[in-house]
Structure formats: structure tokens, C-alpha cells
Amino acid sequence: MTIEIHELSCGYGRARVLEGVSFSVAQGEVFAVLGPNGAGKTTLLRTIMGLLPAKGGRILIDGLDITNESAINRYRKRGIAWVPEGRGLFPSLTVKENLEIALPTHALRHRARSIDDIAGLLPEVPQWLDRDVASLSGGQQQMVALARAIIGQPRVLLLDEPSLGLAPKIVAQLFASIVGASPDLAVVLVEQNVELGLSRSTRAAVFGDGKIVLTGPSSDLKNDPVTLRAYLLATS
């Protein structure tokens, strides 16, 4: 499975935040989207998810154009899941209720995970099933947000700043769980921490000024001083 982004332009109202963005992510890959605040990283994910309409370009899943499909269709039929910045959980509900809300129906029923299956990937989460989300720490809530996303066994996972505000140990645990979720998962990882993003991805792109300013294998970019210069240029 491959998700392809072709010359995608997106934004809000008449304003275009990104222009002519192109990249692809194959199954088993983690593609990092790096850049400063305001670079359009979240806007990109919202457009891929279908929460914002594309202003130009195309989004394809295995060659199928889904540019004009609804967000719910992308989730239920195309297997795209999203973990937003801030997690997007229901704090007054229990962990179990948050997971049950996300259980897919109809087209995805045959490949949905059960709550019990989550224990194999995120062993801590079943211990919290009866607790209100509001009673959990930030790291615990991020684990629940990830569990909610992968319970439908998606083919594409969109992650928006998953490490924000978390201790390094929790971040390492979180990314180990992401990698273990499925060897066939294509992950688009938005990350402001360039070092973390490069260390946790297969390939990466640095965004700035509404476009991709640098892209390539993460291992190459991590050891290339041009990466830092491009990133600093994007922040100026």
C-alpha cells in the first residue's frame, strides 16, 4: 500500500498555506514532516485526512484518487487514521469508552482489532480501561490516542506532534509501539523536533515558506549539515 501526494495545495479560506507539495509513503515506511510552527505541517495532515478540502493537486491510495472523498470515507474505506496534536480524546469518558467510539463498522469490521488485541501492542492501556481519560498523565493519554487510532488496523497513520510535552522515556516507548502496530503501516509523522523526527523515520522532508525545502532519506539528512541550514532557513 502506498499513499501518494501530488502537487498538493491546501489552506484556509482563500489563503494557501502549502503549495505544490509532492511525496509518497509506502507500507512499512515512516515519513517525517519537519518544520517550525506555522510551516503548514498540521494543515497538510488535515488535508490528507479530508478535514480540509484540497485547493489543488491529488491524494492517491494505491493509485486510487481520494482527493474529494470525505474524512469518514477515508477512515472507514481507505484505512487512514489520525492522531491529532492534543490527542483529541474525550476526557470525561473512560479509556474503554474512548476506544469503543473509535471501533470501525461496516467496511472495516472484518479487519478491526478488538480491545483485547491492543494489549499486545500497548500492554499498559488495558490496565486503564475503567479510568476516566482526564485522570491519566500526558504520556498515558498519548498511548490511549495511539490505541484509538490503531484499533481499526489502519493502512495509513497520520501522527501530529506525538512527542509534544512527553519525557524521552515515554517517547521511546510510544515510537516502539508505533513500529510494532503493523509492519505494513505507512506513517506520516509531523514533528517539530528535527533530531527526533529524523531518528524515528525512514525518509523526511523539511517544510518552510509553504513548500518542501529539502527531502531525502532520514539517515542521510541526519548527518548532513545542509539539513540544519535548511531548517534554520525555514524558521527565519
C-alpha atoms as a PDB file:
ATOM      1  CA  MET A   1       0.000   0.000   0.000  1.00  0.00           C
ATOM      2  CA  THR A   2       1.265   3.438  -0.912  1.00  0.00           C
ATOM      3  CA  ILE A   3      -0.134   6.898  -0.278  1.00  0.00           C
ATOM      4  CA  GLU A   4       0.897   9.459  -2.863  1.00  0.00           C
ATOM      5  CA  ILE A   5       0.667  13.239  -2.606  1.00  0.00           C
ATOM      6  CA  HIS A   6       0.899  15.004  -5.973  1.00  0.00           C
ATOM      7  CA  GLU A   7       1.357  18.784  -6.229  1.00  0.00           C
ATOM      8  CA  LEU A   8      -0.967  19.267  -3.264  1.00  0.00           C
ATOM      9  CA  SER A   9      -2.008  22.786  -2.302  1.00  0.00           C
ATOM     10  CA  CYS A  10      -4.005  23.437   0.852  1.00  0.00           C
ATOM     11  CA  GLY A  11      -5.011  26.167   3.273  1.00  0.00           C
ATOM     12  CA  TYR A  12      -7.912  28.001   4.869  1.00  0.00           C
ATOM     13  CA  GLY A  13     -10.450  30.108   3.004  1.00  0.00           C
ATOM     14  CA  ARG A  14      -8.668  31.907   0.188  1.00  0.00           C
ATOM     15  CA  ALA A  15      -5.291  31.632   1.900  1.00  0.00           C
ATOM     16  CA  ARG A  16      -2.937  28.903   0.704  1.00  0.00           C
ATOM     17  CA  VAL A  17      -0.617  27.575   3.383  1.00  0.00           C
ATOM     18  CA  LEU A  18       1.111  24.933   1.235  1.00  0.00           C
ATOM     19  CA  GLU A  19       1.678  24.933  -2.499  1.00  0.00           C
ATOM     20  CA  GLY A  20       2.723  22.104  -4.812  1.00  0.00           C
ATOM     21  CA  VAL A  21       3.708  19.523  -2.185  1.00  0.00           C
ATOM     22  CA  SER A  22       4.621  16.060  -3.504  1.00  0.00           C
ATOM     23  CA  PHE A  23       5.810  12.897  -1.749  1.00  0.00           C
ATOM     24  CA  SER A  24       4.853   9.255  -1.309  1.00  0.00           C
ATOM     25  CA  VAL A  25       4.924   6.843   1.627  1.00  0.00           C
ATOM     26  CA  ALA A  26       4.974   3.070   1.107  1.00  0.00           C
ATOM     27  CA  GLN A  27       3.921   0.395   3.572  1.00  0.00           C
ATOM     28  CA  GLY A  28       6.461  -0.123   6.315  1.00  0.00           C
ATOM     29  CA  GLU A  29       7.814   3.420   5.974  1.00  0.00           C
ATOM     30  CA  VAL A  30       7.778   6.339   8.398  1.00  0.00           C
ATOM     31  CA  PHE A  31       7.899   9.662   6.551  1.00  0.00           C
ATOM     32  CA  ALA A  32       8.749  12.642   8.775  1.00  0.00           C
ATOM     33  CA  VAL A  33       7.364  16.092   8.017  1.00  0.00           C
ATOM     34  CA  LEU A  34       9.663  18.572   9.739  1.00  0.00           C
ATOM     35  CA  GLY A  35       9.484  22.302  10.130  1.00  0.00           C
ATOM     36  CA  PRO A  36       8.814  25.197  12.503  1.00  0.00           C
ATOM     37  CA  ASN A  37       5.458  26.338  13.823  1.00  0.00           C
ATOM     38  CA  GLY A  38       3.416  27.818  11.012  1.00  0.00           C
ATOM     39  CA  ALA A  39       5.132  25.794   8.292  1.00  0.00           C
ATOM     40  CA  GLY A  40       1.848  24.071   7.371  1.00  0.00           C
ATOM     41  CA  LYS A  41       2.536  20.647   8.852  1.00  0.00           C
ATOM     42  CA  THR A  42      -0.822  20.243  10.600  1.00  0.00           C
ATOM     43  CA  THR A  43      -2.614  21.771   7.614  1.00  0.00           C
ATOM     44  CA  LEU A  44      -1.073  19.041   5.469  1.00  0.00           C
ATOM     45  CA  LEU A  45      -2.342  16.271   7.760  1.00  0.00           C
ATOM     46  CA  ARG A  46      -5.812  17.784   7.992  1.00  0.00           C
ATOM     47  CA  THR A  47      -5.984  17.860   4.188  1.00  0.00           C
ATOM     48  CA  ILE A  48      -4.786  14.268   3.828  1.00  0.00           C
ATOM     49  CA  MET A  49      -7.408  13.216   6.393  1.00  0.00           C
ATOM     50  CA  GLY A  50     -10.127  15.077   4.488  1.00  0.00           C
ATOM     51  CA  LEU A  51     -10.862  17.627   7.209  1.00  0.00           C
ATOM     52  CA  LEU A  52      -9.775  20.402   4.863  1.00  0.00           C
ATOM     53  CA  PRO A  53     -10.508  20.422   1.127  1.00  0.00           C
ATOM     54  CA  ALA A  54      -7.507  20.374  -1.180  1.00  0.00           C
ATOM     55  CA  LYS A  55      -7.047  23.571  -3.173  1.00  0.00           C
ATOM     56  CA  GLY A  56      -5.105  21.771  -5.864  1.00  0.00           C
ATOM     57  CA  GLY A  57      -3.270  18.548  -6.578  1.00  0.00           C
ATOM     58  CA  ARG A  58      -4.233  14.967  -5.755  1.00  0.00           C
ATOM     59  CA  ILE A  59      -4.149  12.414  -2.938  1.00  0.00           C
ATOM     60  CA  LEU A  60      -3.969   8.761  -4.007  1.00  0.00           C
ATOM     61  CA  ILE A  61      -4.134   5.431  -2.181  1.00  0.00           C
ATOM     62  CA  ASP A  62      -2.712   2.598  -4.290  1.00  0.00           C
ATOM     63  CA  GLY A  63      -3.364   4.710  -7.368  1.00  0.00           C
ATOM     64  CA  LEU A  64      -6.979   5.497  -6.408  1.00  0.00           C
ATOM     65  CA  ASP A  65      -7.729   9.218  -6.321  1.00  0.00           C
ATOM     66  CA  ILE A  66      -9.360  10.067  -2.963  1.00  0.00           C
ATOM     67  CA  THR A  67      -8.856  13.837  -3.157  1.00  0.00           C
ATOM     68  CA  ASN A  68     -12.572  14.578  -2.960  1.00  0.00           C
ATOM     69  CA  GLU A  69     -13.613  11.826  -0.562  1.00  0.00           C
ATOM     70  CA  SER A  70     -14.961  12.655   2.893  1.00  0.00           C
ATOM     71  CA  ALA A  71     -12.931  12.145   6.057  1.00  0.00           C
ATOM     72  CA  ILE A  72     -15.240   9.377   7.265  1.00  0.00           C
ATOM     73  CA  ASN A  73     -14.850   7.568   3.950  1.00  0.00           C
ATOM     74  CA  ARG A  74     -11.074   7.843   4.175  1.00  0.00           C
ATOM     75  CA  TYR A  75     -11.216   6.316   7.640  1.00  0.00           C
ATOM     76  CA  ARG A  76     -13.761   3.583   7.028  1.00  0.00           C
ATOM     77  CA  LYS A  77     -12.901   2.536   3.478  1.00  0.00           C
ATOM     78  CA  ARG A  78      -9.313   3.638   2.858  1.00  0.00           C
ATOM     79  CA  GLY A  79      -7.887   2.910   6.298  1.00  0.00           C
ATOM     80  CA  ILE A  80      -6.469   6.350   7.108  1.00  0.00           C
ATOM     81  CA  ALA A  81      -6.272   7.134  10.838  1.00  0.00           C
ATOM     82  CA  TRP A  82      -5.187  10.334  12.562  1.00  0.00           C
ATOM     83  CA  VAL A  83      -3.718  11.114  15.982  1.00  0.00           C
ATOM     84  CA  PRO A  84      -4.087  14.905  16.257  1.00  0.00           C
ATOM     85  CA  GLU A  85      -1.915  17.230  18.278  1.00  0.00           C
ATOM     86  CA  GLY A  86      -3.555  17.432  21.691  1.00  0.00           C
ATOM     87  CA  ARG A  87      -4.780  13.839  21.239  1.00  0.00           C
ATOM     88  CA  GLY A  88      -8.471  14.659  20.662  1.00  0.00           C
ATOM     89  CA  LEU A  89      -9.719  12.315  23.375  1.00  0.00           C
ATOM     90  CA  PHE A  90     -12.947  12.649  25.380  1.00  0.00           C
ATOM     91  CA  PRO A  91     -11.583  13.384  28.884  1.00  0.00           C
ATOM     92  CA  SER A  92     -14.842  12.735  30.766  1.00  0.00           C
ATOM     93  CA  LEU A  93     -15.212   9.253  29.252  1.00  0.00           C
ATOM     94  CA  THR A  94     -13.318   6.160  30.287  1.00  0.00           C
ATOM     95  CA  VAL A  95     -10.476   4.736  28.250  1.00  0.00           C
ATOM     96  CA  LYS A  96     -12.714   1.853  27.202  1.00  0.00           C
ATOM     97  CA  GLU A  97     -15.431   4.240  26.031  1.00  0.00           C
ATOM     98  CA  ASN A  98     -12.896   6.248  24.018  1.00  0.00           C
ATOM     99  CA  LEU A  99     -11.730   3.063  22.312  1.00  0.00           C
ATOM    100  CA  GLU A 100     -15.264   1.794  21.674  1.00  0.00           C
ATOM    101  CA  ILE A 101     -16.206   5.063  19.980  1.00  0.00           C
ATOM    102  CA  ALA A 102     -13.374   4.504  17.519  1.00  0.00           C
ATOM    103  CA  LEU A 103     -14.255   0.897  16.690  1.00  0.00           C
ATOM    104  CA  PRO A 104     -14.924   0.889  12.949  1.00  0.00           C
ATOM    105  CA  THR A 105     -18.069  -0.552  11.418  1.00  0.00           C
ATOM    106  CA  HIS A 106     -19.249  -1.875   8.069  1.00  0.00           C
ATOM    107  CA  ALA A 107     -16.345  -1.922   5.619  1.00  0.00           C
ATOM    108  CA  LEU A 108     -13.612  -2.233   8.266  1.00  0.00           C
ATOM    109  CA  ARG A 109     -15.325  -4.650  10.630  1.00  0.00           C
ATOM    110  CA  HIS A 110     -13.509  -7.656   9.196  1.00  0.00           C
ATOM    111  CA  ARG A 111     -10.083  -6.183   9.946  1.00  0.00           C
ATOM    112  CA  ALA A 112     -10.711  -4.259  13.151  1.00  0.00           C
ATOM    113  CA  ARG A 113      -8.712  -5.073  16.219  1.00  0.00           C
ATOM    114  CA  SER A 114     -10.552  -5.832  19.440  1.00  0.00           C
ATOM    115  CA  ILE A 115      -9.717  -4.012  22.628  1.00  0.00           C
ATOM    116  CA  ASP A 116      -8.031  -7.225  23.790  1.00  0.00           C
ATOM    117  CA  ASP A 117      -5.723  -7.093  20.759  1.00  0.00           C
ATOM    118  CA  ILE A 118      -4.441  -3.708  21.896  1.00  0.00           C
ATOM    119  CA  ALA A 119      -2.815  -5.394  24.902  1.00  0.00           C
ATOM    120  CA  GLY A 120      -0.233  -6.981  22.642  1.00  0.00           C
ATOM    121  CA  LEU A 121       0.887  -3.613  21.293  1.00  0.00           C
ATOM    122  CA  LEU A 122       0.243  -1.281  24.200  1.00  0.00           C
ATOM    123  CA  PRO A 123       0.187  -3.531  27.269  1.00  0.00           C
ATOM    124  CA  GLU A 124      -0.475  -0.674  29.690  1.00  0.00           C
ATOM    125  CA  VAL A 125      -3.689   0.507  28.047  1.00  0.00           C
ATOM    126  CA  PRO A 126      -5.944  -2.413  29.168  1.00  0.00           C
ATOM    127  CA  GLN A 127      -4.996  -1.598  32.755  1.00  0.00           C
ATOM    128  CA  TRP A 128      -6.652   1.810  32.377  1.00  0.00           C
ATOM    129  CA  LEU A 129      -9.915   0.751  30.698  1.00  0.00           C
ATOM    130  CA  ASP A 130     -12.137   1.803  33.597  1.00  0.00           C
ATOM    131  CA  ARG A 131     -10.338   5.062  34.307  1.00  0.00           C
ATOM    132  CA  ASP A 132     -11.512   8.431  33.030  1.00  0.00           C
ATOM    133  CA  VAL A 133      -9.078   9.811  30.455  1.00  0.00           C
ATOM    134  CA  ALA A 134      -8.796  13.031  32.489  1.00  0.00           C
ATOM    135  CA  SER A 135      -7.152  11.067  35.305  1.00  0.00           C
ATOM    136  CA  LEU A 136      -4.278   9.890  33.101  1.00  0.00           C
ATOM    137  CA  SER A 137      -0.905  11.543  32.611  1.00  0.00           C
ATOM    138  CA  GLY A 138       0.025  13.146  29.314  1.00  0.00           C
ATOM    139  CA  GLY A 139       2.077  10.128  28.286  1.00  0.00           C
ATOM    140  CA  GLN A 140      -0.721   7.745  29.195  1.00  0.00           C
ATOM    141  CA  GLN A 141      -3.212   9.802  27.221  1.00  0.00           C
ATOM    142  CA  GLN A 142      -0.935   9.718  24.187  1.00  0.00           C
ATOM    143  CA  MET A 143      -0.836   5.924  24.440  1.00  0.00           C
ATOM    144  CA  VAL A 144      -4.650   5.867  24.522  1.00  0.00           C
ATOM    145  CA  ALA A 145      -4.788   8.182  21.499  1.00  0.00           C
ATOM    146  CA  LEU A 146      -2.490   5.813  19.611  1.00  0.00           C
ATOM    147  CA  ALA A 147      -4.578   2.808  20.688  1.00  0.00           C
ATOM    148  CA  ARG A 148      -7.704   4.531  19.440  1.00  0.00           C
ATOM    149  CA  ALA A 149      -6.062   5.150  16.068  1.00  0.00           C
ATOM    150  CA  ILE A 150      -4.731   1.636  15.534  1.00  0.00           C
ATOM    151  CA  ILE A 151      -7.776  -0.231  16.815  1.00  0.00           C
ATOM    152  CA  GLY A 152      -9.186  -0.054  13.304  1.00  0.00           C
ATOM    153  CA  GLN A 153      -5.955  -1.567  11.939  1.00  0.00           C
ATOM    154  CA  PRO A 154      -5.345   1.329   9.546  1.00  0.00           C
ATOM    155  CA  ARG A 155      -3.136   1.238   6.499  1.00  0.00           C
ATOM    156  CA  VAL A 156      -2.042   4.870   6.855  1.00  0.00           C
ATOM    157  CA  LEU A 157      -1.359   6.541  10.211  1.00  0.00           C
ATOM    158  CA  LEU A 158      -1.075  10.326  10.492  1.00  0.00           C
ATOM    159  CA  LEU A 159       0.729  11.475  13.652  1.00  0.00           C
ATOM    160  CA  ASP A 160       0.762  15.149  14.652  1.00  0.00           C
ATOM    161  CA  GLU A 161       3.493  16.033  17.175  1.00  0.00           C
ATOM    162  CA  PRO A 162       3.132  12.801  19.219  1.00  0.00           C
ATOM    163  CA  SER A 163       6.166  13.627  21.377  1.00  0.00           C
ATOM    164  CA  LEU A 164       4.977  17.079  22.448  1.00  0.00           C
ATOM    165  CA  GLY A 165       5.375  17.544  26.192  1.00  0.00           C
ATOM    166  CA  LEU A 166       6.443  13.944  26.858  1.00  0.00           C
ATOM    167  CA  ALA A 167       9.519  12.630  28.665  1.00  0.00           C
ATOM    168  CA  PRO A 168      12.157  10.931  26.463  1.00  0.00           C
ATOM    169  CA  LYS A 169      11.425   7.519  28.004  1.00  0.00           C
ATOM    170  CA  ILE A 170       7.732   7.824  27.137  1.00  0.00           C
ATOM    171  CA  VAL A 171       8.601   8.992  23.620  1.00  0.00           C
ATOM    172  CA  ALA A 172      10.794   5.923  23.085  1.00  0.00           C
ATOM    173  CA  GLN A 173       8.014   3.645  24.297  1.00  0.00           C
ATOM    174  CA  LEU A 174       5.470   5.399  22.118  1.00  0.00           C
ATOM    175  CA  PHE A 175       7.518   5.030  18.948  1.00  0.00           C
ATOM    176  CA  ALA A 176       8.270   1.393  19.698  1.00  0.00           C
ATOM    177  CA  SER A 177       4.505   0.846  19.853  1.00  0.00           C
ATOM    178  CA  ILE A 178       4.002   2.672  16.561  1.00  0.00           C
ATOM    179  CA  VAL A 179       6.569   0.491  14.805  1.00  0.00           C
ATOM    180  CA  GLY A 180       5.009  -2.625  16.327  1.00  0.00           C
ATOM    181  CA  ALA A 181       1.472  -1.671  15.309  1.00  0.00           C
ATOM    182  CA  SER A 182       1.865  -3.223  11.867  1.00  0.00           C
ATOM    183  CA  PRO A 183       4.771  -3.904   9.516  1.00  0.00           C
ATOM    184  CA  ASP A 184       2.522  -2.826   6.651  1.00  0.00           C
ATOM    185  CA  LEU A 185       1.609   0.566   8.107  1.00  0.00           C
ATOM    186  CA  ALA A 186       2.540   3.731   6.215  1.00  0.00           C
ATOM    187  CA  VAL A 187       3.186   6.505   8.750  1.00  0.00           C
ATOM    188  CA  VAL A 188       3.264  10.258   8.126  1.00  0.00           C
ATOM    189  CA  LEU A 189       4.910  11.796  11.191  1.00  0.00           C
ATOM    190  CA  VAL A 190       4.701  15.541  11.817  1.00  0.00           C
ATOM    191  CA  GLU A 191       7.438  16.609  14.200  1.00  0.00           C
ATOM    192  CA  GLN A 192       8.905  19.967  15.156  1.00  0.00           C
ATOM    193  CA  ASN A 193      11.917  18.338  16.809  1.00  0.00           C
ATOM    194  CA  VAL A 194      14.119  17.768  13.776  1.00  0.00           C
ATOM    195  CA  GLU A 195      16.559  15.422  15.550  1.00  0.00           C
ATOM    196  CA  LEU A 196      13.752  13.244  16.902  1.00  0.00           C
ATOM    197  CA  GLY A 197      11.903  13.226  13.594  1.00  0.00           C
ATOM    198  CA  LEU A 198      14.979  12.097  11.680  1.00  0.00           C
ATOM    199  CA  SER A 199      15.884   9.416  14.204  1.00  0.00           C
ATOM    200  CA  ARG A 200      12.391   7.890  14.095  1.00  0.00           C
ATOM    201  CA  SER A 201      11.740   7.941  10.349  1.00  0.00           C
ATOM    202  CA  THR A 202      12.781   6.286   7.108  1.00  0.00           C
ATOM    203  CA  ARG A 203      12.601   9.391   4.937  1.00  0.00           C
ATOM    204  CA  ALA A 204      11.876  13.026   5.707  1.00  0.00           C
ATOM    205  CA  ALA A 205      11.026  16.424   4.286  1.00  0.00           C
ATOM    206  CA  VAL A 206      11.746  19.851   5.754  1.00  0.00           C
ATOM    207  CA  PHE A 207       8.924  22.328   5.180  1.00  0.00           C
ATOM    208  CA  GLY A 208       9.238  26.098   5.054  1.00  0.00           C
ATOM    209  CA  ASP A 209       7.724  29.038   3.214  1.00  0.00           C
ATOM    210  CA  GLY A 210       4.754  26.935   2.099  1.00  0.00           C
ATOM    211  CA  LYS A 211       6.733  24.209   0.384  1.00  0.00           C
ATOM    212  CA  ILE A 212       9.236  21.396   0.810  1.00  0.00           C
ATOM    213  CA  VAL A 213      12.718  22.904   1.023  1.00  0.00           C
ATOM    214  CA  LEU A 214      14.634  19.656   1.490  1.00  0.00           C
ATOM    215  CA  THR A 215      13.844  15.940   1.294  1.00  0.00           C
ATOM    216  CA  GLY A 216      15.667  12.617   1.343  1.00  0.00           C
ATOM    217  CA  PRO A 217      16.492   9.510   3.402  1.00  0.00           C
ATOM    218  CA  SER A 218      16.489  10.372   7.110  1.00  0.00           C
ATOM    219  CA  SER A 219      19.870   8.715   7.690  1.00  0.00           C
ATOM    220  CA  ASP A 220      21.434  10.989   5.072  1.00  0.00           C
ATOM    221  CA  LEU A 221      19.707  14.141   6.253  1.00  0.00           C
ATOM    222  CA  LYS A 222      20.614  13.490   9.883  1.00  0.00           C
ATOM    223  CA  ASN A 223      24.323  13.555   9.060  1.00  0.00           C
ATOM    224  CA  ASP A 224      24.146  16.397   6.548  1.00  0.00           C
ATOM    225  CA  PRO A 225      24.760  19.951   7.820  1.00  0.00           C
ATOM    226  CA  VAL A 226      22.652  21.188   4.899  1.00  0.00           C
ATOM    227  CA  THR A 227      19.637  19.806   6.776  1.00  0.00           C
ATOM    228  CA  LEU A 228      20.209  22.120   9.709  1.00  0.00           C
ATOM    229  CA  ARG A 229      20.844  25.076   7.451  1.00  0.00           C
ATOM    230  CA  ALA A 230      17.634  24.378   5.521  1.00  0.00           C
ATOM    231  CA  TYR A 231      15.709  24.033   8.768  1.00  0.00           C
ATOM    232  CA  LEU A 232      17.100  27.290  10.106  1.00  0.00           C
ATOM    233  CA  LEU A 233      16.261  28.985   6.810  1.00  0.00           C
ATOM    234  CA  ALA A 234      12.685  27.674   7.145  1.00  0.00           C
ATOM    235  CA  THR A 235      12.395  29.235  10.620  1.00  0.00           C
ATOM    236  CA  SER A 236      13.656  32.659   9.598  1.00  0.00           C
END
